[in-house]
Amino acid sequence: TFLTLSLSDMANRVQLSSPKEAEEHILRMIEDGEIYASINQRDGMVCFHDNPEKYNNPKMLKKIDQEMRLFQQLDEKLQQMDRQLAVNPQYVQKTMSSHAEEDVGIGRMREDVLM
């Protein structure tokens, strides 16, 4: 699957000052491996390509495994922070008072509707 767009169209869509500026951004993204594309200098067209990686070599599998471990660690850290917040007296009090204010507001709305 691929898509072809002109540099001028891309510049307009993302509100850049010129096709040249769009080209600079695209080139940087290509160099950084963020996107897979080629630029036809003659007609100013950018052709986007599929990622050529097949994810079937040991190096890539190791990288995926490392990323998964990192995500698991981040998830554990977030869960730990959530547990700490749930028992923090200041947080609980603030949350409870916010809910009480909402309940009072809803009660008033119900009274207004019933009248």
PDB file of N, CA and C in Angstrom:
ATOM      1  N   THR A   1       0.846  -1.176   0.000  1.00  0.00           N
ATOM      2  CA  THR A   1       0.000   0.000   0.000  1.00  0.00           C
ATOM      3  C   THR A   1       0.887   1.233   0.000  1.00  0.00           C
ATOM      4  N   PHE A   2       0.549   2.184  -0.845  1.00  0.00           N
ATOM      5  CA  PHE A   2       1.307   3.426  -0.830  1.00  0.00           C
ATOM      6  C   PHE A   2       0.412   4.586  -1.216  1.00  0.00           C
ATOM      7  N   LEU A   3       0.899   5.771  -0.946  1.00  0.00           N
ATOM      8  CA  LEU A   3       0.163   6.987  -1.196  1.00  0.00           C
ATOM      9  C   LEU A   3       1.136   7.983  -1.797  1.00  0.00           C
ATOM     10  N   THR A   4       0.677   8.774  -2.737  1.00  0.00           N
ATOM     11  CA  THR A   4       1.525   9.789  -3.343  1.00  0.00           C
ATOM     12  C   THR A   4       0.867  11.150  -3.174  1.00  0.00           C
ATOM     13  N   LEU A   5       1.633  12.099  -2.660  1.00  0.00           N
ATOM     14  CA  LEU A   5       1.149  13.465  -2.466  1.00  0.00           C
ATOM     15  C   LEU A   5       2.197  14.447  -2.957  1.00  0.00           C
ATOM     16  N   SER A   6       1.745  15.611  -3.377  1.00  0.00           N
ATOM     17  CA  SER A   6       2.700  16.642  -3.785  1.00  0.00           C
ATOM     18  C   SER A   6       3.211  17.369  -2.544  1.00  0.00           C
ATOM     19  N   LEU A   7       4.427  17.879  -2.646  1.00  0.00           N
ATOM     20  CA  LEU A   7       4.997  18.633  -1.535  1.00  0.00           C
ATOM     21  C   LEU A   7       4.172  19.887  -1.254  1.00  0.00           C
ATOM     22  N   SER A   8       3.660  20.523  -2.303  1.00  0.00           N
ATOM     23  CA  SER A   8       2.856  21.732  -2.092  1.00  0.00           C
ATOM     24  C   SER A   8       1.549  21.399  -1.375  1.00  0.00           C
ATOM     25  N   ASP A   9       0.921  20.265  -1.730  1.00  0.00           N
ATOM     26  CA  ASP A   9      -0.305  19.852  -1.056  1.00  0.00           C
ATOM     27  C   ASP A   9      -0.022  19.546   0.415  1.00  0.00           C
ATOM     28  N   MET A  10       1.079  18.872   0.668  1.00  0.00           N
ATOM     29  CA  MET A  10       1.445  18.555   2.050  1.00  0.00           C
ATOM     30  C   MET A  10       1.690  19.834   2.845  1.00  0.00           C
ATOM     31  N   ALA A  11       2.401  20.796   2.242  1.00  0.00           N
ATOM     32  CA  ALA A  11       2.676  22.065   2.921  1.00  0.00           C
ATOM     33  C   ALA A  11       1.372  22.771   3.271  1.00  0.00           C
ATOM     34  N   ASN A  12       0.429  22.770   2.344  1.00  0.00           N
ATOM     35  CA  ASN A  12      -0.866  23.409   2.599  1.00  0.00           C
ATOM     36  C   ASN A  12      -1.630  22.700   3.706  1.00  0.00           C
ATOM     37  N   ARG A  13      -1.648  21.376   3.675  1.00  0.00           N
ATOM     38  CA  ARG A  13      -2.426  20.606   4.657  1.00  0.00           C
ATOM     39  C   ARG A  13      -1.935  20.786   6.087  1.00  0.00           C
ATOM     40  N   VAL A  14      -0.637  20.936   6.251  1.00  0.00           N
ATOM     41  CA  VAL A  14      -0.085  21.082   7.605  1.00  0.00           C
ATOM     42  C   VAL A  14       0.372  22.510   7.888  1.00  0.00           C
ATOM     43  N   GLN A  15      -0.048  23.425   7.034  1.00  0.00           N
ATOM     44  CA  GLN A  15       0.182  24.856   7.212  1.00  0.00           C
ATOM     45  C   GLN A  15       1.657  25.212   7.353  1.00  0.00           C
ATOM     46  N   LEU A  16       2.458  24.703   6.419  1.00  0.00           N
ATOM     47  CA  LEU A  16       3.860  25.087   6.355  1.00  0.00           C
ATOM     48  C   LEU A  16       3.991  26.229   5.359  1.00  0.00           C
ATOM     49  N   SER A  17       5.112  26.930   5.429  1.00  0.00           N
ATOM     50  CA  SER A  17       5.274  28.122   4.597  1.00  0.00           C
ATOM     51  C   SER A  17       5.550  27.824   3.130  1.00  0.00           C
ATOM     52  N   SER A  18       6.102  26.631   2.838  1.00  0.00           N
ATOM     53  CA  SER A  18       6.454  26.341   1.442  1.00  0.00           C
ATOM     54  C   SER A  18       6.632  24.841   1.218  1.00  0.00           C
ATOM     55  N   PRO A  19       6.600  24.419  -0.054  1.00  0.00           N
ATOM     56  CA  PRO A  19       6.903  23.021  -0.366  1.00  0.00           C
ATOM     57  C   PRO A  19       8.319  22.635   0.071  1.00  0.00           C
ATOM     58  N   LYS A  20       9.237  23.599   0.026  1.00  0.00           N
ATOM     59  CA  LYS A  20      10.623  23.340   0.441  1.00  0.00           C
ATOM     60  C   LYS A  20      10.665  22.956   1.925  1.00  0.00           C
ATOM     61  N   GLU A  21       9.875  23.652   2.730  1.00  0.00           N
ATOM     62  CA  GLU A  21       9.827  23.331   4.158  1.00  0.00           C
ATOM     63  C   GLU A  21       9.231  21.939   4.371  1.00  0.00           C
ATOM     64  N   ALA A  22       8.205  21.608   3.603  1.00  0.00           N
ATOM     65  CA  ALA A  22       7.608  20.267   3.689  1.00  0.00           C
ATOM     66  C   ALA A  22       8.650  19.215   3.325  1.00  0.00           C
ATOM     67  N   GLU A  23       9.416  19.488   2.281  1.00  0.00           N
ATOM     68  CA  GLU A  23      10.457  18.552   1.850  1.00  0.00           C
ATOM     69  C   GLU A  23      11.483  18.333   2.960  1.00  0.00           C
ATOM     70  N   GLU A  24      11.880  19.404   3.636  1.00  0.00           N
ATOM     71  CA  GLU A  24      12.852  19.284   4.720  1.00  0.00           C
ATOM     72  C   GLU A  24      12.312  18.392   5.844  1.00  0.00           C
ATOM     73  N   HIS A  25      11.043  18.591   6.190  1.00  0.00           N
ATOM     74  CA  HIS A  25      10.435  17.763   7.234  1.00  0.00           C
ATOM     75  C   HIS A  25      10.377  16.296   6.799  1.00  0.00           C
ATOM     76  N   ILE A  26       9.955  16.067   5.572  1.00  0.00           N
ATOM     77  CA  ILE A  26       9.843  14.696   5.058  1.00  0.00           C
ATOM     78  C   ILE A  26      11.210  14.026   5.043  1.00  0.00           C
ATOM     79  N   LEU A  27      12.222  14.735   4.555  1.00  0.00           N
ATOM     80  CA  LEU A  27      13.571  14.163   4.509  1.00  0.00           C
ATOM     81  C   LEU A  27      14.063  13.799   5.908  1.00  0.00           C
ATOM     82  N   ARG A  28      13.812  14.668   6.871  1.00  0.00           N
ATOM     83  CA  ARG A  28      14.237  14.392   8.248  1.00  0.00           C
ATOM     84  C   ARG A  28      13.523  13.149   8.782  1.00  0.00           C
ATOM     85  N   MET A  29      12.238  13.035   8.492  1.00  0.00           N
ATOM     86  CA  MET A  29      11.479  11.875   8.965  1.00  0.00           C
ATOM     87  C   MET A  29      11.952  10.588   8.297  1.00  0.00           C
ATOM     88  N   ILE A  30      12.319  10.667   7.026  1.00  0.00           N
ATOM     89  CA  ILE A  30      12.857   9.499   6.319  1.00  0.00           C
ATOM     90  C   ILE A  30      14.187   9.089   6.952  1.00  0.00           C
ATOM     91  N   GLU A  31      15.060  10.078   7.175  1.00  0.00           N
ATOM     92  CA  GLU A  31      16.373   9.796   7.756  1.00  0.00           C
ATOM     93  C   GLU A  31      16.261   9.205   9.160  1.00  0.00           C
ATOM     94  N   ASP A  32      15.276   9.661   9.922  1.00  0.00           N
ATOM     95  CA  ASP A  32      15.084   9.163  11.289  1.00  0.00           C
ATOM     96  C   ASP A  32      14.355   7.824  11.330  1.00  0.00           C
ATOM     97  N   GLY A  33      13.930   7.331  10.170  1.00  0.00           N
ATOM     98  CA  GLY A  33      13.228   6.049  10.109  1.00  0.00           C
ATOM     99  C   GLY A  33      11.790   6.124  10.593  1.00  0.00           C
ATOM    100  N   GLU A  34      11.244   7.338  10.696  1.00  0.00           N
ATOM    101  CA  GLU A  34       9.863   7.507  11.152  1.00  0.00           C
ATOM    102  C   GLU A  34       8.863   7.140  10.063  1.00  0.00           C
ATOM    103  N   ILE A  35       9.240   7.396   8.819  1.00  0.00           N
ATOM    104  CA  ILE A  35       8.381   7.067   7.677  1.00  0.00           C
ATOM    105  C   ILE A  35       9.235   6.441   6.589  1.00  0.00           C
ATOM    106  N   TYR A  36       8.569   5.796   5.649  1.00  0.00           N
ATOM    107  CA  TYR A  36       9.235   5.207   4.491  1.00  0.00           C
ATOM    108  C   TYR A  36       8.635   5.881   3.274  1.00  0.00           C
ATOM    109  N   ALA A  37       9.468   6.664   2.602  1.00  0.00           N
ATOM    110  CA  ALA A  37       8.978   7.434   1.467  1.00  0.00           C
ATOM    111  C   ALA A  37      10.139   7.791   0.563  1.00  0.00           C
ATOM    112  N   SER A  38       9.795   8.198  -0.645  1.00  0.00           N
ATOM    113  CA  SER A  38      10.792   8.722  -1.574  1.00  0.00           C
ATOM    114  C   SER A  38      10.225   9.998  -2.178  1.00  0.00           C
ATOM    115  N   ILE A  39      11.121  10.925  -2.504  1.00  0.00           N
ATOM    116  CA  ILE A  39      10.701  12.199  -3.078  1.00  0.00           C
ATOM    117  C   ILE A  39      11.219  12.283  -4.500  1.00  0.00           C
ATOM    118  N   ASN A  40      10.322  12.526  -5.435  1.00  0.00           N
ATOM    119  CA  ASN A  40      10.696  12.752  -6.825  1.00  0.00           C
ATOM    120  C   ASN A  40      10.968  14.244  -6.965  1.00  0.00           C
ATOM    121  N   GLN A  41      12.246  14.598  -7.074  1.00  0.00           N
ATOM    122  CA  GLN A  41      12.641  16.002  -7.140  1.00  0.00           C
ATOM    123  C   GLN A  41      12.085  16.698  -8.380  1.00  0.00           C
ATOM    124  N   ARG A  42      11.962  15.961  -9.455  1.00  0.00           N
ATOM    125  CA  ARG A  42      11.528  16.545 -10.727  1.00  0.00           C
ATOM    126  C   ARG A  42      10.110  17.098 -10.642  1.00  0.00           C
ATOM    127  N   ASP A  43       9.192  16.311 -10.090  1.00  0.00           N
ATOM    128  CA  ASP A  43       7.799  16.776 -10.057  1.00  0.00           C
ATOM    129  C   ASP A  43       7.302  17.133  -8.651  1.00  0.00           C
ATOM    130  N   GLY A  44       8.188  17.067  -7.645  1.00  0.00           N
ATOM    131  CA  GLY A  44       7.812  17.468  -6.295  1.00  0.00           C
ATOM    132  C   GLY A  44       6.782  16.571  -5.649  1.00  0.00           C
ATOM    133  N   MET A  45       6.833  15.286  -5.967  1.00  0.00           N
ATOM    134  CA  MET A  45       5.871  14.335  -5.413  1.00  0.00           C
ATOM    135  C   MET A  45       6.552  13.446  -4.369  1.00  0.00           C
ATOM    136  N   VAL A  46       5.802  13.140  -3.320  1.00  0.00           N
ATOM    137  CA  VAL A  46       6.284  12.244  -2.268  1.00  0.00           C
ATOM    138  C   VAL A  46       5.490  10.957  -2.369  1.00  0.00           C
ATOM    139  N   CYS A  47       6.201   9.847  -2.478  1.00  0.00           N
ATOM    140  CA  CYS A  47       5.562   8.536  -2.549  1.00  0.00           C
ATOM    141  C   CYS A  47       5.862   7.798  -1.242  1.00  0.00           C
ATOM    142  N   PHE A  48       4.814   7.499  -0.491  1.00  0.00           N
ATOM    143  CA  PHE A  48       4.966   6.794   0.782  1.00  0.00           C
ATOM    144  C   PHE A  48       4.930   5.290   0.538  1.00  0.00           C
ATOM    145  N   HIS A  49       5.778   4.573   1.269  1.00  0.00           N
ATOM    146  CA  HIS A  49       5.911   3.130   1.094  1.00  0.00           C
ATOM    147  C   HIS A  49       5.596   2.398   2.394  1.00  0.00           C
ATOM    148  N   ASP A  50       5.322   1.109   2.269  1.00  0.00           N
ATOM    149  CA  ASP A  50       5.147   0.260   3.446  1.00  0.00           C
ATOM    150  C   ASP A  50       6.484   0.082   4.144  1.00  0.00           C
ATOM    151  N   ASN A  51       6.436  -0.192   5.419  1.00  0.00           N
ATOM    152  CA  ASN A  51       7.623  -0.502   6.187  1.00  0.00           C
ATOM    153  C   ASN A  51       8.229  -1.790   5.626  1.00  0.00           C
ATOM    154  N   PRO A  52       9.503  -1.752   5.214  1.00  0.00           N
ATOM    155  CA  PRO A  52      10.117  -2.947   4.629  1.00  0.00           C
ATOM    156  C   PRO A  52      10.456  -4.039   5.650  1.00  0.00           C
ATOM    157  N   GLU A  53      10.418  -3.703   6.927  1.00  0.00           N
ATOM    158  CA  GLU A  53      10.764  -4.682   7.955  1.00  0.00           C
ATOM    159  C   GLU A  53       9.727  -5.795   7.990  1.00  0.00           C
ATOM    160  N   LYS A  54      10.211  -7.014   8.004  1.00  0.00           N
ATOM    161  CA  LYS A  54       9.323  -8.187   8.040  1.00  0.00           C
ATOM    162  C   LYS A  54       9.191  -8.760   9.450  1.00  0.00           C
ATOM    163  N   TYR A  55       9.933  -8.209  10.404  1.00  0.00           N
ATOM    164  CA  TYR A  55       9.866  -8.641  11.800  1.00  0.00           C
ATOM    165  C   TYR A  55      10.126 -10.137  11.965  1.00  0.00           C
ATOM    166  N   ASN A  56      11.026 -10.651  11.158  1.00  0.00           N
ATOM    167  CA  ASN A  56      11.287 -12.090  11.234  1.00  0.00           C
ATOM    168  C   ASN A  56      12.770 -12.415  11.392  1.00  0.00           C
ATOM    169  N   ASN A  57      13.524 -11.492  11.981  1.00  0.00           N
ATOM    170  CA  ASN A  57      14.931 -11.794  12.209  1.00  0.00           C
ATOM    171  C   ASN A  57      15.235 -11.643  13.704  1.00  0.00           C
ATOM    172  N   PRO A  58      16.276 -12.297  14.174  1.00  0.00           N
ATOM    173  CA  PRO A  58      16.583 -12.293  15.611  1.00  0.00           C
ATOM    174  C   PRO A  58      16.781 -10.895  16.197  1.00  0.00           C
ATOM    175  N   LYS A  59      17.410 -10.013  15.440  1.00  0.00           N
ATOM    176  CA  LYS A  59      17.653  -8.659  15.938  1.00  0.00           C
ATOM    177  C   LYS A  59      16.329  -7.937  16.198  1.00  0.00           C
ATOM    178  N   MET A  60      15.403  -8.051  15.264  1.00  0.00           N
ATOM    179  CA  MET A  60      14.110  -7.381  15.417  1.00  0.00           C
ATOM    180  C   MET A  60      13.293  -8.022  16.541  1.00  0.00           C
ATOM    181  N   LEU A  61      13.341  -9.332  16.642  1.00  0.00           N
ATOM    182  CA  LEU A  61      12.611 -10.013  17.714  1.00  0.00           C
ATOM    183  C   LEU A  61      13.146  -9.598  19.085  1.00  0.00           C
ATOM    184  N   LYS A  62      14.466  -9.424  19.189  1.00  0.00           N
ATOM    185  CA  LYS A  62      15.063  -8.971  20.439  1.00  0.00           C
ATOM    186  C   LYS A  62      14.591  -7.558  20.768  1.00  0.00           C
ATOM    187  N   LYS A  63      14.547  -6.705  19.751  1.00  0.00           N
ATOM    188  CA  LYS A  63      14.088  -5.328  19.955  1.00  0.00           C
ATOM    189  C   LYS A  63      12.631  -5.311  20.412  1.00  0.00           C
ATOM    190  N   ILE A  64      11.788  -6.103  19.791  1.00  0.00           N
ATOM    191  CA  ILE A  64      10.377  -6.179  20.176  1.00  0.00           C
ATOM    192  C   ILE A  64      10.249  -6.676  21.614  1.00  0.00           C
ATOM    193  N   ASP A  65      11.044  -7.682  21.971  1.00  0.00           N
ATOM    194  CA  ASP A  65      11.021  -8.217  23.331  1.00  0.00           C
ATOM    195  C   ASP A  65      11.424  -7.141  24.340  1.00  0.00           C
ATOM    196  N   GLN A  66      12.456  -6.364  24.017  1.00  0.00           N
ATOM    197  CA  GLN A  66      12.899  -5.294  24.911  1.00  0.00           C
ATOM    198  C   GLN A  66      11.801  -4.238  25.077  1.00  0.00           C
ATOM    199  N   GLU A  67      11.156  -3.892  23.977  1.00  0.00           N
ATOM    200  CA  GLU A  67      10.076  -2.897  24.031  1.00  0.00           C
ATOM    201  C   GLU A  67       8.914  -3.415  24.880  1.00  0.00           C
ATOM    202  N   MET A  68       8.573  -4.673  24.714  1.00  0.00           N
ATOM    203  CA  MET A  68       7.480  -5.260  25.499  1.00  0.00           C
ATOM    204  C   MET A  68       7.815  -5.233  26.994  1.00  0.00           C
ATOM    205  N   ARG A  69       9.059  -5.559  27.332  1.00  0.00           N
ATOM    206  CA  ARG A  69       9.475  -5.527  28.740  1.00  0.00           C
ATOM    207  C   ARG A  69       9.379  -4.102  29.300  1.00  0.00           C
ATOM    208  N   LEU A  70       9.785  -3.131  28.490  1.00  0.00           N
ATOM    209  CA  LEU A  70       9.694  -1.736  28.912  1.00  0.00           C
ATOM    210  C   LEU A  70       8.238  -1.344  29.158  1.00  0.00           C
ATOM    211  N   PHE A  71       7.353  -1.728  28.253  1.00  0.00           N
ATOM    212  CA  PHE A  71       5.932  -1.410  28.419  1.00  0.00           C
ATOM    213  C   PHE A  71       5.356  -2.074  29.668  1.00  0.00           C
ATOM    214  N   GLN A  72       5.789  -3.293  29.949  1.00  0.00           N
ATOM    215  CA  GLN A  72       5.322  -3.979  31.155  1.00  0.00           C
ATOM    216  C   GLN A  72       5.796  -3.246  32.410  1.00  0.00           C
ATOM    217  N   GLN A  73       7.047  -2.786  32.388  1.00  0.00           N
ATOM    218  CA  GLN A  73       7.578  -2.037  33.526  1.00  0.00           C
ATOM    219  C   GLN A  73       6.812  -0.729  33.716  1.00  0.00           C
ATOM    220  N   LEU A  74       6.529  -0.060  32.610  1.00  0.00           N
ATOM    221  CA  LEU A  74       5.766   1.187  32.694  1.00  0.00           C
ATOM    222  C   LEU A  74       4.361   0.934  33.228  1.00  0.00           C
ATOM    223  N   ASP A  75       3.741  -0.148  32.779  1.00  0.00           N
ATOM    224  CA  ASP A  75       2.410  -0.497  33.263  1.00  0.00           C
ATOM    225  C   ASP A  75       2.436  -0.770  34.765  1.00  0.00           C
ATOM    226  N   GLU A  76       3.443  -1.512  35.219  1.00  0.00           N
ATOM    227  CA  GLU A  76       3.566  -1.800  36.650  1.00  0.00           C
ATOM    228  C   GLU A  76       3.755  -0.510  37.446  1.00  0.00           C
ATOM    229  N   LYS A  77       4.562   0.395  36.911  1.00  0.00           N
ATOM    230  CA  LYS A  77       4.802   1.676  37.578  1.00  0.00           C
ATOM    231  C   LYS A  77       3.506   2.481  37.665  1.00  0.00           C
ATOM    232  N   LEU A  78       2.739   2.521  36.584  1.00  0.00           N
ATOM    233  CA  LEU A  78       1.463   3.239  36.590  1.00  0.00           C
ATOM    234  C   LEU A  78       0.480   2.630  37.588  1.00  0.00           C
ATOM    235  N   GLN A  79       0.430   1.311  37.640  1.00  0.00           N
ATOM    236  CA  GLN A  79      -0.460   0.648  38.599  1.00  0.00           C
ATOM    237  C   GLN A  79      -0.049   0.968  40.035  1.00  0.00           C
ATOM    238  N   GLN A  80       1.253   0.985  40.275  1.00  0.00           N
ATOM    239  CA  GLN A  80       1.758   1.314  41.608  1.00  0.00           C
ATOM    240  C   GLN A  80       1.381   2.752  41.974  1.00  0.00           C
ATOM    241  N   MET A  81       1.551   3.672  41.040  1.00  0.00           N
ATOM    242  CA  MET A  81       1.187   5.066  41.289  1.00  0.00           C
ATOM    243  C   MET A  81      -0.316   5.197  41.537  1.00  0.00           C
ATOM    244  N   ASP A  82      -1.115   4.450  40.794  1.00  0.00           N
ATOM    245  CA  ASP A  82      -2.565   4.470  40.968  1.00  0.00           C
ATOM    246  C   ASP A  82      -2.947   3.983  42.365  1.00  0.00           C
ATOM    247  N   ARG A  83      -2.295   2.902  42.814  1.00  0.00           N
ATOM    248  CA  ARG A  83      -2.572   2.374  44.156  1.00  0.00           C
ATOM    249  C   ARG A  83      -2.190   3.397  45.231  1.00  0.00           C
ATOM    250  N   GLN A  84      -1.053   4.066  45.026  1.00  0.00           N
ATOM    251  CA  GLN A  84      -0.619   5.073  45.997  1.00  0.00           C
ATOM    252  C   GLN A  84      -1.603   6.245  46.054  1.00  0.00           C
ATOM    253  N   LEU A  85      -2.077   6.652  44.894  1.00  0.00           N
ATOM    254  CA  LEU A  85      -3.057   7.738  44.856  1.00  0.00           C
ATOM    255  C   LEU A  85      -4.353   7.349  45.548  1.00  0.00           C
ATOM    256  N   ALA A  86      -4.784   6.127  45.339  1.00  0.00           N
ATOM    257  CA  ALA A  86      -6.063   5.668  45.883  1.00  0.00           C
ATOM    258  C   ALA A  86      -6.092   5.705  47.407  1.00  0.00           C
ATOM    259  N   VAL A  87      -4.933   5.630  48.054  1.00  0.00           N
ATOM    260  CA  VAL A  87      -4.893   5.652  49.517  1.00  0.00           C
ATOM    261  C   VAL A  87      -4.314   6.959  50.063  1.00  0.00           C
ATOM    262  N   ASN A  88      -4.039   7.907  49.205  1.00  0.00           N
ATOM    263  CA  ASN A  88      -3.530   9.204  49.633  1.00  0.00           C
ATOM    264  C   ASN A  88      -4.690  10.016  50.209  1.00  0.00           C
ATOM    265  N   PRO A  89      -4.628  10.370  51.498  1.00  0.00           N
ATOM    266  CA  PRO A  89      -5.754  11.065  52.133  1.00  0.00           C
ATOM    267  C   PRO A  89      -6.146  12.371  51.432  1.00  0.00           C
ATOM    268  N   GLN A  90      -5.165  13.141  50.995  1.00  0.00           N
ATOM    269  CA  GLN A  90      -5.469  14.406  50.317  1.00  0.00           C
ATOM    270  C   GLN A  90      -6.214  14.158  49.010  1.00  0.00           C
ATOM    271  N   TYR A  91      -5.760  13.173  48.270  1.00  0.00           N
ATOM    272  CA  TYR A  91      -6.411  12.857  46.993  1.00  0.00           C
ATOM    273  C   TYR A  91      -7.833  12.348  47.218  1.00  0.00           C
ATOM    274  N   VAL A  92      -7.986  11.454  48.184  1.00  0.00           N
ATOM    275  CA  VAL A  92      -9.311  10.890  48.469  1.00  0.00           C
ATOM    276  C   VAL A  92     -10.266  12.002  48.900  1.00  0.00           C
ATOM    277  N   GLN A  93      -9.807  12.885  49.781  1.00  0.00           N
ATOM    278  CA  GLN A  93     -10.657  13.973  50.260  1.00  0.00           C
ATOM    279  C   GLN A  93     -11.048  14.892  49.107  1.00  0.00           C
ATOM    280  N   LYS A  94     -10.097  15.251  48.275  1.00  0.00           N
ATOM    281  CA  LYS A  94     -10.370  16.133  47.134  1.00  0.00           C
ATOM    282  C   LYS A  94     -11.356  15.469  46.180  1.00  0.00           C
ATOM    283  N   THR A  95     -11.162  14.193  45.913  1.00  0.00           N
ATOM    284  CA  THR A  95     -12.049  13.462  45.007  1.00  0.00           C
ATOM    285  C   THR A  95     -13.453  13.377  45.577  1.00  0.00           C
ATOM    286  N   MET A  96     -13.541  13.078  46.863  1.00  0.00           N
ATOM    287  CA  MET A  96     -14.856  12.953  47.498  1.00  0.00           C
ATOM    288  C   MET A  96     -15.592  14.289  47.500  1.00  0.00           C
ATOM    289  N   SER A  97     -14.875  15.384  47.765  1.00  0.00           N
ATOM    290  CA  SER A  97     -15.540  16.691  47.785  1.00  0.00           C
ATOM    291  C   SER A  97     -15.979  17.092  46.384  1.00  0.00           C
ATOM    292  N   SER A  98     -15.223  16.723  45.376  1.00  0.00           N
ATOM    293  CA  SER A  98     -15.621  17.004  43.989  1.00  0.00           C
ATOM    294  C   SER A  98     -16.889  16.251  43.639  1.00  0.00           C
ATOM    295  N   HIS A  99     -16.959  14.980  44.032  1.00  0.00           N
ATOM    296  CA  HIS A  99     -18.153  14.175  43.752  1.00  0.00           C
ATOM    297  C   HIS A  99     -19.362  14.710  44.514  1.00  0.00           C
ATOM    298  N   ALA A 100     -19.144  15.158  45.749  1.00  0.00           N
ATOM    299  CA  ALA A 100     -20.251  15.696  46.544  1.00  0.00           C
ATOM    300  C   ALA A 100     -20.810  16.950  45.879  1.00  0.00           C
ATOM    301  N   GLU A 101     -19.921  17.809  45.365  1.00  0.00           N
ATOM    302  CA  GLU A 101     -20.372  19.017  44.665  1.00  0.00           C
ATOM    303  C   GLU A 101     -21.163  18.652  43.415  1.00  0.00           C
ATOM    304  N   GLU A 102     -20.704  17.648  42.689  1.00  0.00           N
ATOM    305  CA  GLU A 102     -21.424  17.203  41.493  1.00  0.00           C
ATOM    306  C   GLU A 102     -22.799  16.672  41.870  1.00  0.00           C
ATOM    307  N   ASP A 103     -22.861  15.892  42.958  1.00  0.00           N
ATOM    308  CA  ASP A 103     -24.139  15.331  43.399  1.00  0.00           C
ATOM    309  C   ASP A 103     -25.114  16.435  43.788  1.00  0.00           C
ATOM    310  N   VAL A 104     -24.624  17.475  44.463  1.00  0.00           N
ATOM    311  CA  VAL A 104     -25.478  18.597  44.848  1.00  0.00           C
ATOM    312  C   VAL A 104     -26.004  19.284  43.598  1.00  0.00           C
ATOM    313  N   GLY A 105     -25.130  19.486  42.623  1.00  0.00           N
ATOM    314  CA  GLY A 105     -25.546  20.118  41.367  1.00  0.00           C
ATOM    315  C   GLY A 105     -26.591  19.298  40.644  1.00  0.00           C
ATOM    316  N   ILE A 106     -26.435  17.992  40.625  1.00  0.00           N
ATOM    317  CA  ILE A 106     -27.405  17.105  39.966  1.00  0.00           C
ATOM    318  C   ILE A 106     -28.726  17.143  40.720  1.00  0.00           C
ATOM    319  N   GLY A 107     -28.661  17.166  42.061  1.00  0.00           N
ATOM    320  CA  GLY A 107     -29.879  17.246  42.860  1.00  0.00           C
ATOM    321  C   GLY A 107     -30.653  18.517  42.566  1.00  0.00           C
ATOM    322  N   ARG A 108     -29.943  19.623  42.434  1.00  0.00           N
ATOM    323  CA  ARG A 108     -30.605  20.890  42.107  1.00  0.00           C
ATOM    324  C   ARG A 108     -31.247  20.832  40.734  1.00  0.00           C
ATOM    325  N   MET A 109     -30.546  20.210  39.788  1.00  0.00           N
ATOM    326  CA  MET A 109     -31.101  20.089  38.435  1.00  0.00           C
ATOM    327  C   MET A 109     -32.379  19.267  38.470  1.00  0.00           C
ATOM    328  N   ARG A 110     -32.398  18.194  39.263  1.00  0.00           N
ATOM    329  CA  ARG A 110     -33.594  17.347  39.367  1.00  0.00           C
ATOM    330  C   ARG A 110     -34.756  18.129  39.979  1.00  0.00           C
ATOM    331  N   GLU A 111     -34.446  18.929  41.011  1.00  0.00           N
ATOM    332  CA  GLU A 111     -35.491  19.736  41.645  1.00  0.00           C
ATOM    333  C   GLU A 111     -36.076  20.727  40.647  1.00  0.00           C
ATOM    334  N   ASP A 112     -35.208  21.349  39.836  1.00  0.00           N
ATOM    335  CA  ASP A 112     -35.672  22.314  38.839  1.00  0.00           C
ATOM    336  C   ASP A 112     -36.568  21.647  37.811  1.00  0.00           C
ATOM    337  N   VAL A 113     -36.227  20.442  37.415  1.00  0.00           N
ATOM    338  CA  VAL A 113     -37.006  19.716  36.413  1.00  0.00           C
ATOM    339  C   VAL A 113     -38.362  19.322  36.978  1.00  0.00           C
ATOM    340  N   LEU A 114     -38.393  18.915  38.238  1.00  0.00           N
ATOM    341  CA  LEU A 114     -39.639  18.470  38.857  1.00  0.00           C
ATOM    342  C   LEU A 114     -40.604  19.618  39.125  1.00  0.00           C
ATOM    343  N   MET A 115     -40.104  20.806  39.259  1.00  0.00           N
ATOM    344  CA  MET A 115     -40.980  21.951  39.565  1.00  0.00           C
ATOM    345  C   MET A 115     -41.677  22.458  38.358  1.00  0.00           C
TER     346      MET A 115
END
